[in-house]
Amino acid sequence: TQEGDGQTYGFDLTTGGNFAGGRGNLVFNVGYTKIGEVSQADRTFSRQAKDELLNPFGSFVAEQATTFYFPFPDDPFGGCIQFDPDSQLQDCVDGYNFNPPNLFQLPQQRWTATALGRFEINDRAEFFTRASFANTRTDTKIAPTGTFFAPFRLNVNNAFLGQAARDQLAAIDNNECEEPVFDDDDVLVGCDQLAATAGDGFIDVELGRRITELGSRDSFFENTAYQFVGGLRGSFAETQRWEVFAQYGRTSRNQRFANDTSLARVQQSLLAVDLGDGPVCLDPVDANCAPGNFFGPGNLDAAALDYIRLNIQQIDSLDQLVAGGSLTGDLPF
């Protein structure tokens, strides 16, 4: 590019020749291409996510957890709260710039090879063959995954929260409203009926937490294909031509997706209590559950990350065998 990045390298080599006094011929070709990546961080105009008016913009799925809940009168947070680095509550003020890790140009490597051959058995028959191979690998990455405001339950006595945050969450829990009352200006002024779960020690939240500790979401695609063809062709009489052939091919794709998360495990890890010996999972349905501090940025430890990390691999393949023949020429009438 004009910026000096995203380089593309490649070479092709073709060679061949006749043998057996010109009755046979072989041709071989091999090629290689490598394309470098270009990320949005490499350009000034794309380093910062922007809104439709081109103002700096970020996602509320931020490094510090963001949660929306139904507010109550005199609620200091107005229905949206975030957690600071000390896992204390603050107003929703910070977003996450998700642009820099994303790619403009994907890195790619490609190998190709082809071989062609023919040999005249006699004046009326010829053997022919073709073999081809291709392998392509493309790596992609996008911004780190997150919980993207999926619904969760949060215990108000969570082991990773300070007492002030616990008290504020308890106030939310005690005021969970099932039938809110609004004035003529659509301002919340009261509650006709509390929710059945009010005061139970849990709040239902839609949690947005960007799990930057996992790194970018990486995808690896590798495609491999090869094909072999062999056959005989020739002629008889004056105008009759014939051909028979067999062809076998195989195509496979290996896809790997790294650094995503299991939301079910996030829920288990999120419910954490301290019974005196440090944080543990409140409801350890999974014996491998590791409690995690999802609140302030950078607070998730290695054990919690290993527990919620989700890596997926998918392998597909297709085999094809074709055989056929043909007879062409002028009819004798």
C-alpha atoms as a PDB file:
ATOM      1  CA  THR A   1       0.000   0.000   0.000  1.00  0.00           C
ATOM      2  CA  GLN A   2       1.071   3.643  -0.120  1.00  0.00           C
ATOM      3  CA  GLU A   3       1.673   3.361   3.628  1.00  0.00           C
ATOM      4  CA  GLY A   4       4.320   0.692   3.096  1.00  0.00           C
ATOM      5  CA  ASP A   5       2.421  -2.118   4.793  1.00  0.00           C
ATOM      6  CA  GLY A   6       0.234  -5.005   3.666  1.00  0.00           C
ATOM      7  CA  GLN A   7       3.006  -6.366   1.465  1.00  0.00           C
ATOM      8  CA  THR A   8       2.207  -9.126  -1.001  1.00  0.00           C
ATOM      9  CA  TYR A   9       4.906 -11.588  -2.052  1.00  0.00           C
ATOM     10  CA  GLY A  10       4.601 -14.307  -4.622  1.00  0.00           C
ATOM     11  CA  PHE A  11       6.398 -16.503  -7.096  1.00  0.00           C
ATOM     12  CA  ASP A  12       5.434 -18.942  -9.832  1.00  0.00           C
ATOM     13  CA  LEU A  13       7.606 -21.516 -11.535  1.00  0.00           C
ATOM     14  CA  THR A  14       6.600 -23.483 -14.616  1.00  0.00           C
ATOM     15  CA  THR A  15       8.766 -26.098 -16.303  1.00  0.00           C
ATOM     16  CA  GLY A  16       8.211 -28.973 -18.673  1.00  0.00           C
ATOM     17  CA  GLY A  17       9.323 -30.762 -21.778  1.00  0.00           C
ATOM     18  CA  ASN A  18       8.936 -33.658 -24.186  1.00  0.00           C
ATOM     19  CA  PHE A  19      10.255 -37.185 -23.814  1.00  0.00           C
ATOM     20  CA  ALA A  20      10.273 -40.479 -25.719  1.00  0.00           C
ATOM     21  CA  GLY A  21      11.061 -38.745 -28.936  1.00  0.00           C
ATOM     22  CA  GLY A  22       8.207 -36.297 -28.620  1.00  0.00           C
ATOM     23  CA  ARG A  23       5.548 -38.939 -27.924  1.00  0.00           C
ATOM     24  CA  GLY A  24       5.195 -37.725 -24.358  1.00  0.00           C
ATOM     25  CA  ASN A  25       5.039 -34.359 -22.603  1.00  0.00           C
ATOM     26  CA  LEU A  26       5.084 -33.222 -18.955  1.00  0.00           C
ATOM     27  CA  VAL A  27       4.440 -29.752 -17.520  1.00  0.00           C
ATOM     28  CA  PHE A  28       4.753 -28.799 -13.836  1.00  0.00           C
ATOM     29  CA  ASN A  29       3.810 -25.529 -12.103  1.00  0.00           C
ATOM     30  CA  VAL A  30       4.135 -24.408  -8.500  1.00  0.00           C
ATOM     31  CA  GLY A  31       3.100 -21.072  -7.002  1.00  0.00           C
ATOM     32  CA  TYR A  32       3.232 -19.321  -3.630  1.00  0.00           C
ATOM     33  CA  THR A  33       1.550 -16.115  -2.407  1.00  0.00           C
ATOM     34  CA  LYS A  34       1.807 -14.359   0.953  1.00  0.00           C
ATOM     35  CA  ILE A  35      -0.312 -11.322   1.847  1.00  0.00           C
ATOM     36  CA  GLY A  36       0.413  -9.201   4.927  1.00  0.00           C
ATOM     37  CA  GLU A  37      -2.239  -7.851   7.271  1.00  0.00           C
ATOM     38  CA  VAL A  38      -3.396  -4.266   7.650  1.00  0.00           C
ATOM     39  CA  SER A  39      -5.306  -3.400  10.806  1.00  0.00           C
ATOM     40  CA  GLN A  40      -7.579  -0.490  11.591  1.00  0.00           C
ATOM     41  CA  ALA A  41      -4.968   0.643  14.103  1.00  0.00           C
ATOM     42  CA  ASP A  42      -2.623   1.264  11.156  1.00  0.00           C
ATOM     43  CA  ARG A  43      -4.687   4.178   9.806  1.00  0.00           C
ATOM     44  CA  THR A  44      -5.436   7.420  11.630  1.00  0.00           C
ATOM     45  CA  PHE A  45      -9.000   7.626  10.258  1.00  0.00           C
ATOM     46  CA  SER A  46      -9.951   4.214  11.668  1.00  0.00           C
ATOM     47  CA  ARG A  47      -8.195   4.026  15.031  1.00  0.00           C
ATOM     48  CA  GLN A  48     -11.216   5.375  16.887  1.00  0.00           C
ATOM     49  CA  ALA A  49     -14.763   4.068  16.475  1.00  0.00           C
ATOM     50  CA  LYS A  50     -17.140   6.880  15.501  1.00  0.00           C
ATOM     51  CA  ASP A  51     -20.888   7.394  15.488  1.00  0.00           C
ATOM     52  CA  GLU A  52     -22.998   8.483  12.501  1.00  0.00           C
ATOM     53  CA  LEU A  53     -21.927  12.115  13.093  1.00  0.00           C
ATOM     54  CA  LEU A  54     -18.243  11.047  13.130  1.00  0.00           C
ATOM     55  CA  ASN A  55     -17.874  11.780  16.827  1.00  0.00           C
ATOM     56  CA  PRO A  56     -15.627   9.445  18.869  1.00  0.00           C
ATOM     57  CA  PHE A  57     -17.763   6.531  19.954  1.00  0.00           C
ATOM     58  CA  GLY A  58     -17.297   3.356  21.915  1.00  0.00           C
ATOM     59  CA  SER A  59     -19.338   0.372  22.932  1.00  0.00           C
ATOM     60  CA  PHE A  60     -20.903   0.174  26.383  1.00  0.00           C
ATOM     61  CA  VAL A  61     -19.674  -3.421  26.357  1.00  0.00           C
ATOM     62  CA  ALA A  62     -16.593  -2.019  28.052  1.00  0.00           C
ATOM     63  CA  GLU A  63     -13.584  -3.268  29.982  1.00  0.00           C
ATOM     64  CA  GLN A  64     -15.395  -2.276  33.165  1.00  0.00           C
ATOM     65  CA  ALA A  65     -18.717  -4.082  33.412  1.00  0.00           C
ATOM     66  CA  THR A  66     -21.824  -2.103  32.514  1.00  0.00           C
ATOM     67  CA  THR A  67     -25.288  -3.142  33.630  1.00  0.00           C
ATOM     68  CA  PHE A  68     -28.794  -1.895  32.971  1.00  0.00           C
ATOM     69  CA  TYR A  69     -31.549  -2.467  35.495  1.00  0.00           C
ATOM     70  CA  PHE A  70     -34.952  -0.989  36.256  1.00  0.00           C
ATOM     71  CA  PRO A  71     -34.369   2.161  38.349  1.00  0.00           C
ATOM     72  CA  PHE A  72     -36.379   3.350  41.312  1.00  0.00           C
ATOM     73  CA  PRO A  73     -37.115   6.896  42.576  1.00  0.00           C
ATOM     74  CA  ASP A  74     -34.016   8.709  43.860  1.00  0.00           C
ATOM     75  CA  ASP A  75     -31.788   6.034  42.290  1.00  0.00           C
ATOM     76  CA  PRO A  76     -28.408   7.839  41.911  1.00  0.00           C
ATOM     77  CA  PHE A  77     -27.487   5.871  38.784  1.00  0.00           C
ATOM     78  CA  GLY A  78     -30.677   6.242  36.754  1.00  0.00           C
ATOM     79  CA  GLY A  79     -30.815   2.624  35.633  1.00  0.00           C
ATOM     80  CA  CYS A  80     -27.255   2.290  34.271  1.00  0.00           C
ATOM     81  CA  ILE A  81     -24.117   1.646  36.279  1.00  0.00           C
ATOM     82  CA  GLN A  82     -20.501   0.730  35.627  1.00  0.00           C
ATOM     83  CA  PHE A  83     -17.798  -0.617  37.899  1.00  0.00           C
ATOM     84  CA  ASP A  84     -14.503   1.178  38.439  1.00  0.00           C
ATOM     85  CA  PRO A  85     -11.083  -0.572  38.782  1.00  0.00           C
ATOM     86  CA  ASP A  86     -11.818  -1.180  42.482  1.00  0.00           C
ATOM     87  CA  SER A  87     -15.152  -2.859  41.602  1.00  0.00           C
ATOM     88  CA  GLN A  88     -17.119   0.052  43.057  1.00  0.00           C
ATOM     89  CA  LEU A  89     -20.160   1.513  41.323  1.00  0.00           C
ATOM     90  CA  GLN A  90     -20.005   4.592  39.099  1.00  0.00           C
ATOM     91  CA  ASP A  91     -22.200   6.263  36.464  1.00  0.00           C
ATOM     92  CA  CYS A  92     -22.143   4.922  32.891  1.00  0.00           C
ATOM     93  CA  VAL A  93     -19.437   7.182  31.481  1.00  0.00           C
ATOM     94  CA  ASP A  94     -16.852   5.005  29.725  1.00  0.00           C
ATOM     95  CA  GLY A  95     -17.040   3.088  26.462  1.00  0.00           C
ATOM     96  CA  TYR A  96     -14.721   0.712  24.638  1.00  0.00           C
ATOM     97  CA  ASN A  97     -12.977   1.538  21.368  1.00  0.00           C
ATOM     98  CA  PHE A  98     -13.324  -1.721  19.451  1.00  0.00           C
ATOM     99  CA  ASN A  99     -11.738  -0.565  16.172  1.00  0.00           C
ATOM    100  CA  PRO A 100      -7.958  -1.088  16.547  1.00  0.00           C
ATOM    101  CA  PRO A 101      -7.812  -4.915  16.614  1.00  0.00           C
ATOM    102  CA  ASN A 102     -10.001  -5.329  13.525  1.00  0.00           C
ATOM    103  CA  LEU A 103      -8.403  -5.921  10.129  1.00  0.00           C
ATOM    104  CA  PHE A 104      -8.734  -4.093   6.818  1.00  0.00           C
ATOM    105  CA  GLN A 105      -6.682  -6.707   4.980  1.00  0.00           C
ATOM    106  CA  LEU A 106      -6.546 -10.327   6.088  1.00  0.00           C
ATOM    107  CA  PRO A 107      -3.192 -12.130   6.155  1.00  0.00           C
ATOM    108  CA  GLN A 108      -3.106 -15.062   3.788  1.00  0.00           C
ATOM    109  CA  GLN A 109      -0.734 -17.762   2.557  1.00  0.00           C
ATOM    110  CA  ARG A 110      -1.447 -19.846  -0.528  1.00  0.00           C
ATOM    111  CA  TRP A 111       0.364 -22.739  -2.221  1.00  0.00           C
ATOM    112  CA  THR A 112      -0.708 -24.147  -5.578  1.00  0.00           C
ATOM    113  CA  ALA A 113       0.729 -26.904  -7.765  1.00  0.00           C
ATOM    114  CA  THR A 114      -0.356 -28.432 -11.055  1.00  0.00           C
ATOM    115  CA  ALA A 115       1.068 -31.220 -13.210  1.00  0.00           C
ATOM    116  CA  LEU A 116      -0.070 -32.108 -16.733  1.00  0.00           C
ATOM    117  CA  GLY A 117       1.026 -35.099 -18.779  1.00  0.00           C
ATOM    118  CA  ARG A 118       0.267 -36.973 -21.978  1.00  0.00           C
ATOM    119  CA  PHE A 119       1.764 -39.934 -23.798  1.00  0.00           C
ATOM    120  CA  GLU A 120       0.975 -41.306 -27.265  1.00  0.00           C
ATOM    121  CA  ILE A 121       0.546 -45.070 -26.942  1.00  0.00           C
ATOM    122  CA  ASN A 122       0.185 -45.445 -30.701  1.00  0.00           C
ATOM    123  CA  ASP A 123      -1.238 -43.543 -33.638  1.00  0.00           C
ATOM    124  CA  ARG A 124      -4.799 -44.155 -32.420  1.00  0.00           C
ATOM    125  CA  ALA A 125      -4.592 -43.833 -28.595  1.00  0.00           C
ATOM    126  CA  GLU A 126      -3.196 -41.421 -26.055  1.00  0.00           C
ATOM    127  CA  PHE A 127      -2.961 -41.470 -22.256  1.00  0.00           C
ATOM    128  CA  PHE A 128      -3.503 -38.169 -20.413  1.00  0.00           C
ATOM    129  CA  THR A 129      -3.351 -37.127 -16.773  1.00  0.00           C
ATOM    130  CA  ARG A 130      -3.650 -34.053 -14.572  1.00  0.00           C
ATOM    131  CA  ALA A 131      -2.945 -33.489 -10.872  1.00  0.00           C
ATOM    132  CA  SER A 132      -3.645 -30.289  -8.960  1.00  0.00           C
ATOM    133  CA  PHE A 133      -3.189 -29.126  -5.365  1.00  0.00           C
ATOM    134  CA  ALA A 134      -4.066 -25.952  -3.470  1.00  0.00           C
ATOM    135  CA  ASN A 135      -3.673 -24.960   0.166  1.00  0.00           C
ATOM    136  CA  THR A 136      -4.856 -21.625   1.528  1.00  0.00           C
ATOM    137  CA  ARG A 137      -4.640 -20.331   5.081  1.00  0.00           C
ATOM    138  CA  THR A 138      -6.355 -17.146   6.205  1.00  0.00           C
ATOM    139  CA  ASP A 139      -6.201 -15.769   9.752  1.00  0.00           C
ATOM    140  CA  THR A 140      -8.697 -13.233  11.015  1.00  0.00           C
ATOM    141  CA  LYS A 141      -9.131 -11.380  14.283  1.00  0.00           C
ATOM    142  CA  ILE A 142     -11.625  -8.958  15.718  1.00  0.00           C
ATOM    143  CA  ALA A 143     -12.012  -7.103  19.000  1.00  0.00           C
ATOM    144  CA  PRO A 144     -12.127  -9.150  22.226  1.00  0.00           C
ATOM    145  CA  THR A 145     -15.371 -10.903  23.013  1.00  0.00           C
ATOM    146  CA  GLY A 146     -17.785  -9.819  25.702  1.00  0.00           C
ATOM    147  CA  THR A 147     -21.040 -10.677  27.410  1.00  0.00           C
ATOM    148  CA  PHE A 148     -22.936  -8.204  25.164  1.00  0.00           C
ATOM    149  CA  PHE A 149     -25.725  -7.539  27.672  1.00  0.00           C
ATOM    150  CA  ALA A 150     -26.854 -11.111  27.999  1.00  0.00           C
ATOM    151  CA  PRO A 151     -29.138 -11.665  31.033  1.00  0.00           C
ATOM    152  CA  PHE A 152     -27.406 -12.757  34.242  1.00  0.00           C
ATOM    153  CA  ARG A 153     -28.153 -13.069  37.944  1.00  0.00           C
ATOM    154  CA  LEU A 154     -25.817 -11.231  40.303  1.00  0.00           C
ATOM    155  CA  ASN A 155     -25.627 -11.830  44.049  1.00  0.00           C
ATOM    156  CA  VAL A 156     -25.508  -8.550  45.949  1.00  0.00           C
ATOM    157  CA  ASN A 157     -22.986  -9.944  48.467  1.00  0.00           C
ATOM    158  CA  ASN A 158     -20.545 -10.820  45.684  1.00  0.00           C
ATOM    159  CA  ALA A 159     -17.080 -11.642  47.004  1.00  0.00           C
ATOM    160  CA  PHE A 160     -15.325  -9.241  44.626  1.00  0.00           C
ATOM    161  CA  LEU A 161     -17.339  -6.149  45.565  1.00  0.00           C
ATOM    162  CA  GLY A 162     -16.564  -3.630  48.267  1.00  0.00           C
ATOM    163  CA  GLN A 163     -19.101  -2.955  50.998  1.00  0.00           C
ATOM    164  CA  ALA A 164     -20.290   0.309  49.444  1.00  0.00           C
ATOM    165  CA  ALA A 165     -21.082  -1.447  46.170  1.00  0.00           C
ATOM    166  CA  ARG A 166     -22.832  -4.260  48.034  1.00  0.00           C
ATOM    167  CA  ASP A 167     -25.029  -1.755  49.866  1.00  0.00           C
ATOM    168  CA  GLN A 168     -25.959  -0.021  46.617  1.00  0.00           C
ATOM    169  CA  LEU A 169     -26.803  -3.302  44.891  1.00  0.00           C
ATOM    170  CA  ALA A 170     -28.857  -4.336  47.928  1.00  0.00           C
ATOM    171  CA  ALA A 171     -30.848  -1.102  47.553  1.00  0.00           C
ATOM    172  CA  ILE A 172     -31.518  -2.021  43.915  1.00  0.00           C
ATOM    173  CA  ASP A 173     -32.567  -5.516  44.978  1.00  0.00           C
ATOM    174  CA  ASN A 174     -34.915  -4.203  47.677  1.00  0.00           C
ATOM    175  CA  ASN A 175     -36.575  -1.855  45.179  1.00  0.00           C
ATOM    176  CA  GLU A 176     -37.057  -4.281  42.300  1.00  0.00           C
ATOM    177  CA  CYS A 177     -40.306  -3.029  40.822  1.00  0.00           C
ATOM    178  CA  GLU A 178     -42.882  -5.061  38.941  1.00  0.00           C
ATOM    179  CA  GLU A 179     -45.397  -2.255  38.290  1.00  0.00           C
ATOM    180  CA  PRO A 180     -43.614   1.122  38.039  1.00  0.00           C
ATOM    181  CA  VAL A 181     -45.556   4.396  38.235  1.00  0.00           C
ATOM    182  CA  PHE A 182     -44.669   7.347  35.961  1.00  0.00           C
ATOM    183  CA  ASP A 183     -45.885  10.932  36.032  1.00  0.00           C
ATOM    184  CA  ASP A 184     -47.155  12.877  33.007  1.00  0.00           C
ATOM    185  CA  ASP A 185     -43.575  13.613  31.967  1.00  0.00           C
ATOM    186  CA  ASP A 186     -42.679   9.907  31.982  1.00  0.00           C
ATOM    187  CA  VAL A 187     -40.574  10.330  35.126  1.00  0.00           C
ATOM    188  CA  LEU A 188     -40.521   7.366  37.479  1.00  0.00           C
ATOM    189  CA  VAL A 189     -42.197   8.417  40.728  1.00  0.00           C
ATOM    190  CA  GLY A 190     -43.060   5.197  42.490  1.00  0.00           C
ATOM    191  CA  CYS A 191     -43.899   1.538  42.390  1.00  0.00           C
ATOM    192  CA  ASP A 192     -47.334  -0.027  42.754  1.00  0.00           C
ATOM    193  CA  GLN A 193     -45.930  -3.488  43.346  1.00  0.00           C
ATOM    194  CA  LEU A 194     -42.490  -4.827  44.069  1.00  0.00           C
ATOM    195  CA  ALA A 195     -41.197  -7.764  42.069  1.00  0.00           C
ATOM    196  CA  ALA A 196     -41.641 -11.174  43.665  1.00  0.00           C
ATOM    197  CA  THR A 197     -37.850 -11.484  43.885  1.00  0.00           C
ATOM    198  CA  ALA A 198     -37.285  -8.152  45.637  1.00  0.00           C
ATOM    199  CA  GLY A 199     -34.997  -8.525  48.633  1.00  0.00           C
ATOM    200  CA  ASP A 200     -33.869 -12.069  47.781  1.00  0.00           C
ATOM    201  CA  GLY A 201     -30.181 -11.123  47.593  1.00  0.00           C
ATOM    202  CA  PHE A 202     -29.994 -11.259  43.793  1.00  0.00           C
ATOM    203  CA  ILE A 203     -30.640  -8.823  40.979  1.00  0.00           C
ATOM    204  CA  ASP A 204     -31.358  -9.679  37.361  1.00  0.00           C
ATOM    205  CA  VAL A 205     -29.057  -7.665  35.137  1.00  0.00           C
ATOM    206  CA  GLU A 206     -28.099  -7.325  31.500  1.00  0.00           C
ATOM    207  CA  LEU A 207     -24.338  -7.294  31.796  1.00  0.00           C
ATOM    208  CA  GLY A 208     -21.954  -5.837  29.233  1.00  0.00           C
ATOM    209  CA  ARG A 209     -18.333  -6.744  29.984  1.00  0.00           C
ATOM    210  CA  ARG A 210     -15.569  -6.668  27.361  1.00  0.00           C
ATOM    211  CA  ILE A 211     -13.271  -9.544  28.295  1.00  0.00           C
ATOM    212  CA  THR A 212     -10.046  -7.978  27.061  1.00  0.00           C
ATOM    213  CA  GLU A 213      -8.001 -10.337  29.226  1.00  0.00           C
ATOM    214  CA  LEU A 214      -8.687 -13.085  26.663  1.00  0.00           C
ATOM    215  CA  GLY A 215      -7.178 -11.062  23.820  1.00  0.00           C
ATOM    216  CA  SER A 216      -8.657 -10.722  20.349  1.00  0.00           C
ATOM    217  CA  ARG A 217     -11.102 -13.242  18.910  1.00  0.00           C
ATOM    218  CA  ASP A 218      -9.027 -15.200  16.429  1.00  0.00           C
ATOM    219  CA  SER A 219     -10.248 -17.373  13.580  1.00  0.00           C
ATOM    220  CA  PHE A 220      -8.059 -19.638  11.473  1.00  0.00           C
ATOM    221  CA  PHE A 221      -9.278 -21.025   8.146  1.00  0.00           C
ATOM    222  CA  GLU A 222      -7.280 -23.606   6.222  1.00  0.00           C
ATOM    223  CA  ASN A 223      -8.579 -25.007   2.948  1.00  0.00           C
ATOM    224  CA  THR A 224      -6.866 -27.869   1.139  1.00  0.00           C
ATOM    225  CA  ALA A 225      -7.935 -29.304  -2.190  1.00  0.00           C
ATOM    226  CA  TYR A 226      -6.406 -31.815  -4.556  1.00  0.00           C
ATOM    227  CA  GLN A 227      -7.610 -33.595  -7.658  1.00  0.00           C
ATOM    228  CA  PHE A 228      -6.304 -36.375  -9.915  1.00  0.00           C
ATOM    229  CA  VAL A 229      -7.531 -37.116 -13.435  1.00  0.00           C
ATOM    230  CA  GLY A 230      -6.437 -39.926 -15.731  1.00  0.00           C
ATOM    231  CA  GLY A 231      -7.810 -41.283 -18.950  1.00  0.00           C
ATOM    232  CA  LEU A 232      -7.416 -42.545 -22.475  1.00  0.00           C
ATOM    233  CA  ARG A 233      -8.556 -40.954 -25.705  1.00  0.00           C
ATOM    234  CA  GLY A 234      -8.196 -41.742 -29.343  1.00  0.00           C
ATOM    235  CA  SER A 235      -9.880 -42.215 -32.703  1.00  0.00           C
ATOM    236  CA  PHE A 236     -10.954 -44.895 -35.130  1.00  0.00           C
ATOM    237  CA  ALA A 237     -12.386 -45.035 -38.612  1.00  0.00           C
ATOM    238  CA  GLU A 238     -12.134 -41.626 -40.173  1.00  0.00           C
ATOM    239  CA  THR A 239     -14.106 -39.301 -37.869  1.00  0.00           C
ATOM    240  CA  GLN A 240     -14.916 -41.264 -34.715  1.00  0.00           C
ATOM    241  CA  ARG A 241     -13.280 -40.048 -31.482  1.00  0.00           C
ATOM    242  CA  TRP A 242     -13.569 -41.606 -28.032  1.00  0.00           C
ATOM    243  CA  GLU A 243     -12.511 -40.831 -24.494  1.00  0.00           C
ATOM    244  CA  VAL A 244     -12.743 -42.524 -21.080  1.00  0.00           C
ATOM    245  CA  PHE A 245     -11.570 -40.983 -17.823  1.00  0.00           C
ATOM    246  CA  ALA A 246     -11.673 -41.200 -14.035  1.00  0.00           C
ATOM    247  CA  GLN A 247     -11.362 -38.275 -11.652  1.00  0.00           C
ATOM    248  CA  TYR A 248     -10.945 -38.170  -7.884  1.00  0.00           C
ATOM    249  CA  GLY A 249     -10.899 -35.046  -5.738  1.00  0.00           C
ATOM    250  CA  ARG A 250     -10.945 -34.122  -2.075  1.00  0.00           C
ATOM    251  CA  THR A 251     -11.581 -30.746  -0.445  1.00  0.00           C
ATOM    252  CA  SER A 252     -11.212 -30.124   3.286  1.00  0.00           C
ATOM    253  CA  ARG A 253     -11.635 -27.117   5.531  1.00  0.00           C
ATOM    254  CA  ASN A 254     -10.250 -26.780   9.028  1.00  0.00           C
ATOM    255  CA  GLN A 255     -11.733 -23.903  11.009  1.00  0.00           C
ATOM    256  CA  ARG A 256     -10.584 -22.908  14.487  1.00  0.00           C
ATOM    257  CA  PHE A 257     -12.123 -20.164  16.587  1.00  0.00           C
ATOM    258  CA  ALA A 258     -10.198 -19.016  19.659  1.00  0.00           C
ATOM    259  CA  ASN A 259     -10.841 -16.803  22.678  1.00  0.00           C
ATOM    260  CA  ASP A 260     -14.603 -16.720  22.777  1.00  0.00           C
ATOM    261  CA  THR A 261     -16.566 -17.441  25.962  1.00  0.00           C
ATOM    262  CA  SER A 262     -19.268 -19.715  27.305  1.00  0.00           C
ATOM    263  CA  LEU A 263     -22.037 -17.521  28.730  1.00  0.00           C
ATOM    264  CA  ALA A 264     -23.244 -20.411  30.894  1.00  0.00           C
ATOM    265  CA  ARG A 265     -19.806 -20.572  32.515  1.00  0.00           C
ATOM    266  CA  VAL A 266     -19.702 -16.805  32.874  1.00  0.00           C
ATOM    267  CA  GLN A 267     -22.915 -17.055  34.889  1.00  0.00           C
ATOM    268  CA  GLN A 268     -21.424 -19.705  37.162  1.00  0.00           C
ATOM    269  CA  SER A 269     -18.188 -17.753  37.616  1.00  0.00           C
ATOM    270  CA  LEU A 270     -20.063 -14.483  38.243  1.00  0.00           C
ATOM    271  CA  LEU A 271     -21.903 -15.860  41.287  1.00  0.00           C
ATOM    272  CA  ALA A 272     -19.047 -15.710  43.787  1.00  0.00           C
ATOM    273  CA  VAL A 273     -19.047 -15.616  47.592  1.00  0.00           C
ATOM    274  CA  ASP A 274     -16.364 -15.532  50.256  1.00  0.00           C
ATOM    275  CA  LEU A 275     -16.963 -18.063  53.016  1.00  0.00           C
ATOM    276  CA  GLY A 276     -13.795 -17.104  54.851  1.00  0.00           C
ATOM    277  CA  ASP A 277     -11.148 -18.791  52.721  1.00  0.00           C
ATOM    278  CA  GLY A 278     -11.380 -16.587  49.642  1.00  0.00           C
ATOM    279  CA  PRO A 279     -13.845 -16.377  46.754  1.00  0.00           C
ATOM    280  CA  VAL A 280     -15.600 -19.558  45.620  1.00  0.00           C
ATOM    281  CA  CYS A 281     -18.444 -20.234  43.210  1.00  0.00           C
ATOM    282  CA  LEU A 282     -21.804 -19.818  44.925  1.00  0.00           C
ATOM    283  CA  ASP A 283     -23.522 -22.579  42.961  1.00  0.00           C
ATOM    284  CA  PRO A 284     -20.781 -24.876  41.657  1.00  0.00           C
ATOM    285  CA  VAL A 285     -22.861 -26.906  39.209  1.00  0.00           C
ATOM    286  CA  ASP A 286     -19.540 -27.494  37.450  1.00  0.00           C
ATOM    287  CA  ALA A 287     -16.815 -28.838  39.717  1.00  0.00           C
ATOM    288  CA  ASN A 288     -14.245 -26.938  37.641  1.00  0.00           C
ATOM    289  CA  CYS A 289     -15.934 -23.588  38.277  1.00  0.00           C
ATOM    290  CA  ALA A 290     -13.494 -20.775  39.044  1.00  0.00           C
ATOM    291  CA  PRO A 291     -14.901 -17.525  40.495  1.00  0.00           C
ATOM    292  CA  GLY A 292     -14.158 -14.410  38.463  1.00  0.00           C
ATOM    293  CA  ASN A 293     -14.055 -10.679  39.097  1.00  0.00           C
ATOM    294  CA  PHE A 294     -15.968  -9.379  36.075  1.00  0.00           C
ATOM    295  CA  PHE A 295     -16.395  -5.868  37.412  1.00  0.00           C
ATOM    296  CA  GLY A 296     -13.334  -3.645  37.084  1.00  0.00           C
ATOM    297  CA  PRO A 297     -11.068  -3.690  33.983  1.00  0.00           C
ATOM    298  CA  GLY A 298      -8.275  -6.264  34.000  1.00  0.00           C
ATOM    299  CA  ASN A 299      -9.530  -8.023  37.123  1.00  0.00           C
ATOM    300  CA  LEU A 300     -10.090 -11.531  35.724  1.00  0.00           C
ATOM    301  CA  ASP A 301      -7.366 -13.953  36.768  1.00  0.00           C
ATOM    302  CA  ALA A 302      -5.935 -16.880  34.784  1.00  0.00           C
ATOM    303  CA  ALA A 303      -8.107 -19.504  36.485  1.00  0.00           C
ATOM    304  CA  ALA A 304     -11.352 -17.698  35.657  1.00  0.00           C
ATOM    305  CA  LEU A 305     -10.212 -17.037  32.083  1.00  0.00           C
ATOM    306  CA  ASP A 306      -9.361 -20.706  31.530  1.00  0.00           C
ATOM    307  CA  TYR A 307     -12.784 -21.664  32.878  1.00  0.00           C
ATOM    308  CA  ILE A 308     -14.854 -19.352  30.648  1.00  0.00           C
ATOM    309  CA  ARG A 309     -12.681 -19.553  27.518  1.00  0.00           C
ATOM    310  CA  LEU A 310     -14.356 -21.254  24.568  1.00  0.00           C
ATOM    311  CA  ASN A 311     -12.281 -22.552  21.664  1.00  0.00           C
ATOM    312  CA  ILE A 312     -14.052 -24.321  18.815  1.00  0.00           C
ATOM    313  CA  GLN A 313     -12.779 -26.403  15.924  1.00  0.00           C
ATOM    314  CA  GLN A 314     -14.770 -27.526  12.904  1.00  0.00           C
ATOM    315  CA  ILE A 315     -13.451 -29.848  10.190  1.00  0.00           C
ATOM    316  CA  ASP A 316     -15.368 -30.465   6.964  1.00  0.00           C
ATOM    317  CA  SER A 317     -14.366 -32.560   3.984  1.00  0.00           C
ATOM    318  CA  LEU A 318     -15.844 -33.548   0.641  1.00  0.00           C
ATOM    319  CA  ASP A 319     -14.719 -36.464  -1.549  1.00  0.00           C
ATOM    320  CA  GLN A 320     -15.765 -36.852  -5.156  1.00  0.00           C
ATOM    321  CA  LEU A 321     -15.194 -39.680  -7.635  1.00  0.00           C
ATOM    322  CA  VAL A 322     -16.312 -39.236 -11.247  1.00  0.00           C
ATOM    323  CA  ALA A 323     -15.903 -41.600 -14.179  1.00  0.00           C
ATOM    324  CA  GLY A 324     -17.174 -41.153 -17.692  1.00  0.00           C
ATOM    325  CA  GLY A 325     -16.668 -41.532 -21.348  1.00  0.00           C
ATOM    326  CA  SER A 326     -17.742 -40.155 -24.679  1.00  0.00           C
ATOM    327  CA  LEU A 327     -17.962 -41.127 -28.339  1.00  0.00           C
ATOM    328  CA  THR A 328     -18.256 -38.446 -31.028  1.00  0.00           C
ATOM    329  CA  GLY A 329     -18.135 -38.336 -34.770  1.00  0.00           C
ATOM    330  CA  ASP A 330     -20.151 -38.270 -37.995  1.00  0.00           C
ATOM    331  CA  LEU A 331     -22.956 -40.755 -38.417  1.00  0.00           C
ATOM    332  CA  PRO A 332     -22.552 -43.092 -41.417  1.00  0.00           C
ATOM    333  CA  PHE A 333     -25.687 -41.801 -43.132  1.00  0.00           C
END
